[in-house]
N, C-alpha and C. Protein backbone atom coordinates (compact mmCIF):
# COMPACT_ATOMS: atom_id res chain seq x y z
N MET A 1 4.16 -0.63 22.03
CA MET A 1 4.13 -1.77 21.13
C MET A 1 2.83 -1.81 20.34
N ARG A 2 1.75 -1.34 20.90
CA ARG A 2 0.45 -1.39 20.24
C ARG A 2 0.46 -0.71 18.88
N PRO A 3 1.07 0.50 18.70
CA PRO A 3 1.07 1.13 17.39
C PRO A 3 1.77 0.27 16.33
N VAL A 4 2.85 -0.40 16.71
CA VAL A 4 3.57 -1.24 15.75
C VAL A 4 2.70 -2.39 15.30
N VAL A 5 2.02 -3.01 16.26
CA VAL A 5 1.12 -4.11 15.91
C VAL A 5 0.01 -3.62 15.00
N SER A 6 -0.50 -2.44 15.28
CA SER A 6 -1.56 -1.87 14.44
C SER A 6 -1.07 -1.62 13.02
N VAL A 7 0.15 -1.11 12.88
CA VAL A 7 0.72 -0.87 11.55
C VAL A 7 0.86 -2.18 10.80
N ILE A 8 1.35 -3.22 11.48
CA ILE A 8 1.51 -4.52 10.83
C ILE A 8 0.15 -5.06 10.42
N ALA A 9 -0.82 -4.99 11.32
CA ALA A 9 -2.15 -5.49 11.01
C ALA A 9 -2.77 -4.74 9.84
N LEU A 10 -2.64 -3.43 9.84
CA LEU A 10 -3.18 -2.64 8.74
C LEU A 10 -2.52 -3.01 7.43
N SER A 11 -1.21 -3.21 7.46
CA SER A 11 -0.50 -3.59 6.24
C SER A 11 -1.00 -4.92 5.72
N ALA A 12 -1.21 -5.86 6.61
CA ALA A 12 -1.70 -7.17 6.19
C ALA A 12 -3.08 -7.04 5.56
N ILE A 13 -3.93 -6.22 6.14
CA ILE A 13 -5.27 -6.02 5.60
C ILE A 13 -5.21 -5.37 4.23
N LEU A 14 -4.36 -4.37 4.09
CA LEU A 14 -4.32 -3.61 2.85
C LEU A 14 -3.63 -4.33 1.70
N PHE A 15 -2.58 -5.05 2.00
CA PHE A 15 -1.70 -5.45 0.93
C PHE A 15 -1.55 -6.93 0.67
N LEU A 16 -2.17 -7.76 1.46
CA LEU A 16 -1.97 -9.18 1.25
C LEU A 16 -3.11 -9.79 0.46
N PRO A 17 -3.44 -11.05 0.60
CA PRO A 17 -4.35 -11.72 -0.33
C PRO A 17 -5.66 -11.03 -0.63
N SER A 18 -6.16 -10.20 0.23
CA SER A 18 -7.41 -9.50 -0.10
C SER A 18 -7.25 -8.61 -1.31
N CYS A 19 -6.02 -8.31 -1.67
CA CYS A 19 -5.76 -7.48 -2.84
C CYS A 19 -5.47 -8.33 -4.06
N GLY A 20 -5.70 -9.61 -3.98
CA GLY A 20 -5.33 -10.52 -5.05
C GLY A 20 -6.02 -10.24 -6.36
N GLU A 21 -7.10 -9.51 -6.35
CA GLU A 21 -7.78 -9.25 -7.61
C GLU A 21 -7.12 -8.15 -8.40
N LYS A 22 -6.01 -7.67 -7.93
CA LYS A 22 -5.36 -6.57 -8.61
C LYS A 22 -4.06 -7.03 -9.25
N GLU A 23 -3.69 -6.43 -10.34
CA GLU A 23 -2.53 -6.81 -11.11
C GLU A 23 -1.34 -5.92 -10.77
N SER A 24 -0.14 -6.45 -10.96
CA SER A 24 1.08 -5.69 -10.74
C SER A 24 1.82 -5.53 -12.06
N ASN A 25 2.56 -4.47 -12.17
CA ASN A 25 3.44 -4.28 -13.31
C ASN A 25 4.85 -4.20 -12.74
N PRO A 26 5.56 -5.35 -12.67
CA PRO A 26 6.84 -5.37 -11.99
C PRO A 26 7.89 -4.49 -12.65
N THR A 27 7.70 -4.09 -13.89
CA THR A 27 8.68 -3.24 -14.55
C THR A 27 8.37 -1.76 -14.41
N ALA A 28 7.21 -1.45 -13.82
CA ALA A 28 6.83 -0.05 -13.69
C ALA A 28 7.69 0.63 -12.64
N LYS A 29 7.97 1.89 -12.89
CA LYS A 29 8.75 2.66 -11.94
C LYS A 29 7.80 3.42 -11.03
N PRO A 30 8.12 3.49 -9.71
CA PRO A 30 7.23 4.18 -8.79
C PRO A 30 6.95 5.61 -9.19
N GLU A 31 7.90 6.27 -9.83
CA GLU A 31 7.69 7.66 -10.22
C GLU A 31 6.54 7.78 -11.21
N ALA A 32 6.28 6.73 -11.97
CA ALA A 32 5.21 6.78 -12.97
C ALA A 32 3.85 6.97 -12.31
N ALA A 33 3.74 6.56 -11.06
CA ALA A 33 2.46 6.66 -10.38
C ALA A 33 2.14 8.08 -9.95
N ALA A 34 3.10 8.96 -10.04
CA ALA A 34 2.85 10.34 -9.63
C ALA A 34 1.71 10.95 -10.43
N GLU A 35 1.50 10.43 -11.61
CA GLU A 35 0.41 10.90 -12.45
C GLU A 35 -0.72 9.88 -12.39
N SER A 36 -1.36 9.77 -11.24
CA SER A 36 -2.43 8.80 -11.06
C SER A 36 -3.61 9.16 -11.93
N PRO A 37 -4.15 8.17 -12.66
CA PRO A 37 -5.33 8.44 -13.48
C PRO A 37 -6.52 8.77 -12.58
N SER A 38 -7.41 9.56 -13.12
CA SER A 38 -8.58 9.90 -12.34
C SER A 38 -9.72 8.96 -12.68
N GLY A 39 -10.69 8.91 -11.81
CA GLY A 39 -11.84 8.06 -12.01
C GLY A 39 -11.57 6.63 -11.58
N PRO A 40 -12.64 5.86 -11.44
CA PRO A 40 -12.47 4.47 -11.02
C PRO A 40 -11.85 3.63 -12.14
N PRO A 41 -11.09 2.61 -11.77
CA PRO A 41 -10.52 1.74 -12.80
C PRO A 41 -11.62 0.98 -13.53
N ALA A 42 -11.44 0.81 -14.82
CA ALA A 42 -12.45 0.16 -15.64
C ALA A 42 -12.38 -1.36 -15.55
N THR A 43 -11.21 -1.89 -15.26
CA THR A 43 -11.02 -3.34 -15.23
C THR A 43 -10.20 -3.72 -14.01
N PRO A 44 -10.27 -4.99 -13.63
CA PRO A 44 -9.39 -5.46 -12.55
C PRO A 44 -7.91 -5.25 -12.88
N GLU A 45 -7.55 -5.39 -14.13
CA GLU A 45 -6.16 -5.20 -14.53
C GLU A 45 -5.72 -3.76 -14.30
N GLU A 46 -6.59 -2.81 -14.64
CA GLU A 46 -6.27 -1.40 -14.40
C GLU A 46 -6.16 -1.13 -12.91
N ALA A 47 -7.06 -1.69 -12.13
CA ALA A 47 -7.00 -1.53 -10.67
C ALA A 47 -5.70 -2.12 -10.14
N ALA A 48 -5.31 -3.26 -10.68
CA ALA A 48 -4.08 -3.90 -10.25
C ALA A 48 -2.86 -3.05 -10.57
N ARG A 49 -2.84 -2.46 -11.73
CA ARG A 49 -1.72 -1.58 -12.08
C ARG A 49 -1.64 -0.39 -11.12
N ARG A 50 -2.79 0.19 -10.85
CA ARG A 50 -2.82 1.33 -9.93
C ARG A 50 -2.36 0.93 -8.53
N LEU A 51 -2.86 -0.20 -8.04
CA LEU A 51 -2.48 -0.65 -6.72
C LEU A 51 -0.98 -0.96 -6.66
N SER A 52 -0.49 -1.61 -7.68
CA SER A 52 0.93 -1.96 -7.70
C SER A 52 1.79 -0.70 -7.65
N LEU A 53 1.42 0.30 -8.43
CA LEU A 53 2.18 1.56 -8.42
C LEU A 53 2.09 2.25 -7.06
N LEU A 54 0.92 2.23 -6.45
CA LEU A 54 0.78 2.82 -5.12
C LEU A 54 1.63 2.07 -4.10
N GLN A 55 1.63 0.75 -4.20
CA GLN A 55 2.44 -0.04 -3.28
C GLN A 55 3.93 0.26 -3.47
N GLU A 56 4.35 0.42 -4.70
CA GLU A 56 5.75 0.77 -4.96
C GLU A 56 6.08 2.13 -4.37
N ARG A 57 5.18 3.08 -4.53
CA ARG A 57 5.40 4.42 -3.97
C ARG A 57 5.45 4.37 -2.45
N LEU A 58 4.54 3.62 -1.85
CA LEU A 58 4.52 3.48 -0.40
C LEU A 58 5.81 2.81 0.08
N ALA A 59 6.23 1.78 -0.60
CA ALA A 59 7.47 1.10 -0.22
C ALA A 59 8.65 2.07 -0.28
N ALA A 60 8.72 2.87 -1.32
CA ALA A 60 9.81 3.85 -1.45
C ALA A 60 9.80 4.84 -0.28
N VAL A 61 8.61 5.28 0.12
CA VAL A 61 8.50 6.20 1.25
C VAL A 61 9.00 5.52 2.52
N LEU A 62 8.54 4.30 2.76
CA LEU A 62 8.94 3.59 3.98
C LEU A 62 10.43 3.27 3.98
N GLU A 63 10.97 2.94 2.82
CA GLU A 63 12.40 2.64 2.71
C GLU A 63 13.26 3.87 3.00
N SER A 64 12.71 5.04 2.85
CA SER A 64 13.47 6.27 3.06
C SER A 64 13.68 6.59 4.53
N VAL A 65 12.98 5.90 5.42
CA VAL A 65 13.06 6.20 6.85
C VAL A 65 14.33 5.59 7.46
N THR A 66 15.16 6.48 7.99
CA THR A 66 16.39 6.03 8.67
C THR A 66 16.54 6.67 10.04
N ASP A 67 15.83 7.74 10.29
CA ASP A 67 15.92 8.45 11.56
C ASP A 67 14.65 9.28 11.74
N ALA A 68 14.61 10.04 12.84
CA ALA A 68 13.40 10.82 13.14
C ALA A 68 13.10 11.85 12.05
N ALA A 69 14.13 12.51 11.54
CA ALA A 69 13.89 13.53 10.51
C ALA A 69 13.33 12.92 9.23
N SER A 70 13.90 11.80 8.80
CA SER A 70 13.40 11.16 7.58
C SER A 70 12.01 10.56 7.82
N ALA A 71 11.72 10.15 9.05
CA ALA A 71 10.39 9.64 9.37
C ALA A 71 9.35 10.75 9.26
N GLU A 72 9.69 11.93 9.74
CA GLU A 72 8.77 13.06 9.64
C GLU A 72 8.54 13.44 8.18
N ALA A 73 9.60 13.39 7.38
CA ALA A 73 9.46 13.68 5.94
C ALA A 73 8.58 12.62 5.28
N ALA A 74 8.76 11.37 5.67
CA ALA A 74 7.94 10.29 5.10
C ALA A 74 6.48 10.46 5.49
N LEU A 75 6.23 10.88 6.72
CA LEU A 75 4.85 11.08 7.17
C LEU A 75 4.13 12.12 6.31
N GLU A 76 4.85 13.14 5.88
CA GLU A 76 4.25 14.17 5.02
C GLU A 76 3.81 13.57 3.68
N LYS A 77 4.52 12.56 3.22
CA LYS A 77 4.18 11.92 1.94
C LYS A 77 3.07 10.90 2.09
N LEU A 78 2.85 10.40 3.30
CA LEU A 78 1.83 9.37 3.50
C LEU A 78 0.42 9.91 3.36
N GLY A 79 0.19 11.17 3.68
CA GLY A 79 -1.16 11.72 3.58
C GLY A 79 -1.75 11.61 2.18
N PRO A 80 -1.04 12.12 1.17
CA PRO A 80 -1.57 11.99 -0.19
C PRO A 80 -1.69 10.53 -0.64
N LEU A 81 -0.73 9.70 -0.26
CA LEU A 81 -0.82 8.28 -0.61
C LEU A 81 -2.02 7.62 0.04
N ALA A 82 -2.27 7.97 1.29
CA ALA A 82 -3.42 7.40 2.00
C ALA A 82 -4.71 7.71 1.26
N GLY A 83 -4.83 8.95 0.80
CA GLY A 83 -6.02 9.32 0.04
C GLY A 83 -6.17 8.52 -1.24
N GLU A 84 -5.07 8.31 -1.93
CA GLU A 84 -5.12 7.53 -3.17
C GLU A 84 -5.47 6.07 -2.90
N PHE A 85 -4.89 5.49 -1.84
CA PHE A 85 -5.23 4.11 -1.48
C PHE A 85 -6.70 4.00 -1.12
N GLY A 86 -7.19 4.94 -0.33
CA GLY A 86 -8.59 4.91 0.09
C GLY A 86 -9.54 5.01 -1.09
N GLU A 87 -9.25 5.93 -1.99
CA GLU A 87 -10.11 6.09 -3.17
C GLU A 87 -10.09 4.85 -4.07
N LEU A 88 -8.91 4.30 -4.28
CA LEU A 88 -8.81 3.09 -5.10
C LEU A 88 -9.55 1.95 -4.42
N GLY A 89 -9.38 1.83 -3.12
CA GLY A 89 -10.08 0.77 -2.38
C GLY A 89 -11.58 0.87 -2.51
N LYS A 90 -12.11 2.10 -2.40
CA LYS A 90 -13.55 2.30 -2.54
C LYS A 90 -14.03 1.91 -3.93
N SER A 91 -13.23 2.24 -4.93
CA SER A 91 -13.68 2.01 -6.31
C SER A 91 -13.60 0.55 -6.74
N VAL A 92 -12.87 -0.28 -6.00
CA VAL A 92 -12.72 -1.68 -6.42
C VAL A 92 -13.35 -2.66 -5.45
N GLN A 93 -14.07 -2.19 -4.46
CA GLN A 93 -14.60 -3.08 -3.43
C GLN A 93 -15.42 -4.23 -4.00
N GLY A 94 -16.16 -4.04 -5.04
CA GLY A 94 -16.98 -5.11 -5.59
C GLY A 94 -16.31 -5.94 -6.66
N MET A 95 -15.12 -5.57 -7.08
CA MET A 95 -14.49 -6.27 -8.19
C MET A 95 -14.15 -7.73 -7.90
N SER A 96 -13.75 -8.05 -6.69
CA SER A 96 -13.31 -9.42 -6.42
C SER A 96 -14.43 -10.42 -6.68
N LYS A 97 -15.67 -10.00 -6.53
CA LYS A 97 -16.81 -10.88 -6.78
C LYS A 97 -16.95 -11.21 -8.26
N GLU A 98 -16.38 -10.39 -9.11
CA GLU A 98 -16.50 -10.59 -10.55
C GLU A 98 -15.40 -11.45 -11.14
N LEU A 99 -14.41 -11.85 -10.34
CA LEU A 99 -13.26 -12.57 -10.87
C LEU A 99 -13.45 -14.08 -10.78
N SER A 100 -13.03 -14.76 -11.82
CA SER A 100 -13.01 -16.22 -11.78
C SER A 100 -11.82 -16.66 -10.94
N PRO A 101 -11.79 -17.90 -10.51
CA PRO A 101 -10.63 -18.39 -9.76
C PRO A 101 -9.32 -18.23 -10.55
N GLU A 102 -9.39 -18.38 -11.86
CA GLU A 102 -8.19 -18.22 -12.69
C GLU A 102 -7.72 -16.77 -12.69
N GLN A 103 -8.67 -15.84 -12.83
CA GLN A 103 -8.31 -14.43 -12.79
C GLN A 103 -7.74 -14.05 -11.43
N ASP A 104 -8.34 -14.56 -10.38
CA ASP A 104 -7.87 -14.27 -9.03
C ASP A 104 -6.43 -14.77 -8.86
N ALA A 105 -6.16 -15.98 -9.32
CA ALA A 105 -4.81 -16.54 -9.21
C ALA A 105 -3.82 -15.70 -10.01
N LYS A 106 -4.24 -15.24 -11.19
CA LYS A 106 -3.36 -14.41 -12.02
C LYS A 106 -3.05 -13.09 -11.32
N MET A 107 -4.07 -12.47 -10.75
CA MET A 107 -3.86 -11.20 -10.07
C MET A 107 -2.92 -11.36 -8.88
N LYS A 108 -3.11 -12.43 -8.11
CA LYS A 108 -2.23 -12.68 -6.96
C LYS A 108 -0.79 -12.83 -7.41
N GLU A 109 -0.59 -13.55 -8.48
CA GLU A 109 0.76 -13.74 -9.00
C GLU A 109 1.35 -12.42 -9.49
N LEU A 110 0.55 -11.63 -10.15
CA LEU A 110 1.02 -10.35 -10.67
C LEU A 110 1.32 -9.34 -9.56
N MET A 111 0.66 -9.48 -8.42
CA MET A 111 0.86 -8.55 -7.32
C MET A 111 2.09 -8.88 -6.47
N LYS A 112 2.64 -10.06 -6.65
CA LYS A 112 3.75 -10.49 -5.80
C LYS A 112 4.91 -9.50 -5.72
N PRO A 113 5.41 -8.95 -6.83
CA PRO A 113 6.58 -8.07 -6.71
C PRO A 113 6.36 -6.84 -5.83
N SER A 114 5.25 -6.15 -6.02
CA SER A 114 5.03 -4.94 -5.22
C SER A 114 4.70 -5.31 -3.77
N GLU A 115 3.99 -6.41 -3.56
CA GLU A 115 3.70 -6.84 -2.20
C GLU A 115 4.98 -7.24 -1.48
N GLU A 116 5.87 -7.90 -2.20
CA GLU A 116 7.14 -8.31 -1.59
C GLU A 116 7.97 -7.09 -1.20
N ARG A 117 8.07 -6.13 -2.10
CA ARG A 117 8.84 -4.92 -1.79
C ARG A 117 8.23 -4.20 -0.59
N LEU A 118 6.93 -4.07 -0.57
CA LEU A 118 6.27 -3.39 0.53
C LEU A 118 6.47 -4.15 1.84
N GLY A 119 6.35 -5.46 1.79
CA GLY A 119 6.58 -6.27 2.98
C GLY A 119 7.99 -6.10 3.52
N ASN A 120 8.96 -6.09 2.61
CA ASN A 120 10.36 -5.89 3.01
C ASN A 120 10.56 -4.50 3.61
N ALA A 121 9.93 -3.50 3.04
CA ALA A 121 10.04 -2.14 3.57
C ALA A 121 9.45 -2.07 4.97
N MET A 122 8.31 -2.71 5.17
CA MET A 122 7.68 -2.72 6.50
C MET A 122 8.56 -3.45 7.51
N THR A 123 9.14 -4.56 7.10
CA THR A 123 10.02 -5.32 7.99
C THR A 123 11.23 -4.48 8.39
N LYS A 124 11.79 -3.77 7.44
CA LYS A 124 12.94 -2.91 7.72
C LYS A 124 12.56 -1.76 8.66
N LEU A 125 11.35 -1.25 8.52
CA LEU A 125 10.89 -0.12 9.31
C LEU A 125 10.53 -0.50 10.76
N MET A 126 10.13 -1.73 10.98
CA MET A 126 9.62 -2.13 12.30
C MET A 126 10.58 -1.86 13.46
N PRO A 127 11.86 -2.19 13.37
CA PRO A 127 12.74 -1.90 14.53
C PRO A 127 12.77 -0.41 14.88
N PHE A 128 12.78 0.44 13.86
CA PHE A 128 12.77 1.88 14.11
C PHE A 128 11.48 2.28 14.82
N LEU A 129 10.35 1.78 14.36
CA LEU A 129 9.08 2.14 14.98
C LEU A 129 8.98 1.60 16.40
N GLN A 130 9.52 0.42 16.63
CA GLN A 130 9.51 -0.13 17.98
C GLN A 130 10.33 0.74 18.93
N ALA A 131 11.40 1.31 18.42
CA ALA A 131 12.27 2.15 19.25
C ALA A 131 11.72 3.57 19.44
N THR A 132 10.77 3.96 18.60
CA THR A 132 10.23 5.32 18.67
C THR A 132 8.70 5.27 18.66
N PRO A 133 8.09 4.93 19.79
CA PRO A 133 6.64 4.77 19.83
C PRO A 133 5.85 6.00 19.41
N GLU A 134 6.39 7.20 19.68
CA GLU A 134 5.66 8.40 19.28
C GLU A 134 5.58 8.52 17.76
N ILE A 135 6.64 8.14 17.07
CA ILE A 135 6.62 8.15 15.60
C ILE A 135 5.77 6.99 15.09
N ALA A 136 5.84 5.85 15.77
CA ALA A 136 5.02 4.70 15.38
C ALA A 136 3.54 5.06 15.42
N GLU A 137 3.14 5.80 16.41
CA GLU A 137 1.74 6.21 16.50
C GLU A 137 1.35 7.10 15.33
N LYS A 138 2.24 7.99 14.94
CA LYS A 138 1.97 8.85 13.79
C LYS A 138 1.84 8.03 12.51
N PHE A 139 2.71 7.04 12.34
CA PHE A 139 2.62 6.16 11.17
C PHE A 139 1.31 5.38 11.20
N ASN A 140 0.94 4.90 12.37
CA ASN A 140 -0.31 4.16 12.50
C ASN A 140 -1.49 5.03 12.09
N GLN A 141 -1.51 6.27 12.55
CA GLN A 141 -2.60 7.18 12.19
C GLN A 141 -2.62 7.45 10.68
N ALA A 142 -1.45 7.69 10.11
CA ALA A 142 -1.39 7.98 8.68
C ALA A 142 -1.83 6.78 7.85
N MET A 143 -1.36 5.61 8.23
CA MET A 143 -1.69 4.41 7.45
C MET A 143 -3.13 3.97 7.63
N SER A 144 -3.72 4.30 8.78
CA SER A 144 -5.12 3.92 8.99
C SER A 144 -6.05 4.64 8.02
N LYS A 145 -5.58 5.75 7.47
CA LYS A 145 -6.38 6.51 6.50
C LYS A 145 -6.36 5.87 5.12
N MET A 146 -5.60 4.80 4.95
CA MET A 146 -5.54 4.11 3.65
C MET A 146 -6.67 3.14 3.45
N SER A 147 -7.44 2.89 4.48
CA SER A 147 -8.57 1.97 4.39
C SER A 147 -9.67 2.59 3.54
N PRO A 148 -10.34 1.77 2.73
CA PRO A 148 -11.44 2.30 1.90
C PRO A 148 -12.57 2.92 2.70
N SER A 149 -12.71 2.56 3.96
CA SER A 149 -13.82 3.10 4.76
C SER A 149 -13.54 4.50 5.26
N ASN A 150 -12.30 5.00 5.12
CA ASN A 150 -11.97 6.33 5.62
C ASN A 150 -12.11 7.39 4.57
């Protein structure tokens, strides 16, 4: 059970209100993120677009898990995503201090669609991870690499 709790906790840290300074593009397609721009985002809005696309891609990966084979395939995709999340996190760590309360509220509102999809994907994945602790541990390890400190 511990790995599942860790995955949930990590998801909450990565994707909930602490990410409010980032914007979402609800009409963007996850495939568009395959061409991630290089370098740090210049504005909170750019950071928000990048985060939203990453969240959509992560949700799509998690939604693809239906059994052990699809979980292993998803794990292979999490490595590159983890690196992108970590790099984006490092590059925006100081941005929240620069936002006004109005900007922060706008970013939180704009992030809702991708956060909701990701939350739903995590909720759908939880019963599978609870039933397969060895795979849950692998997901926990892969997702822990998404933190900016890694």
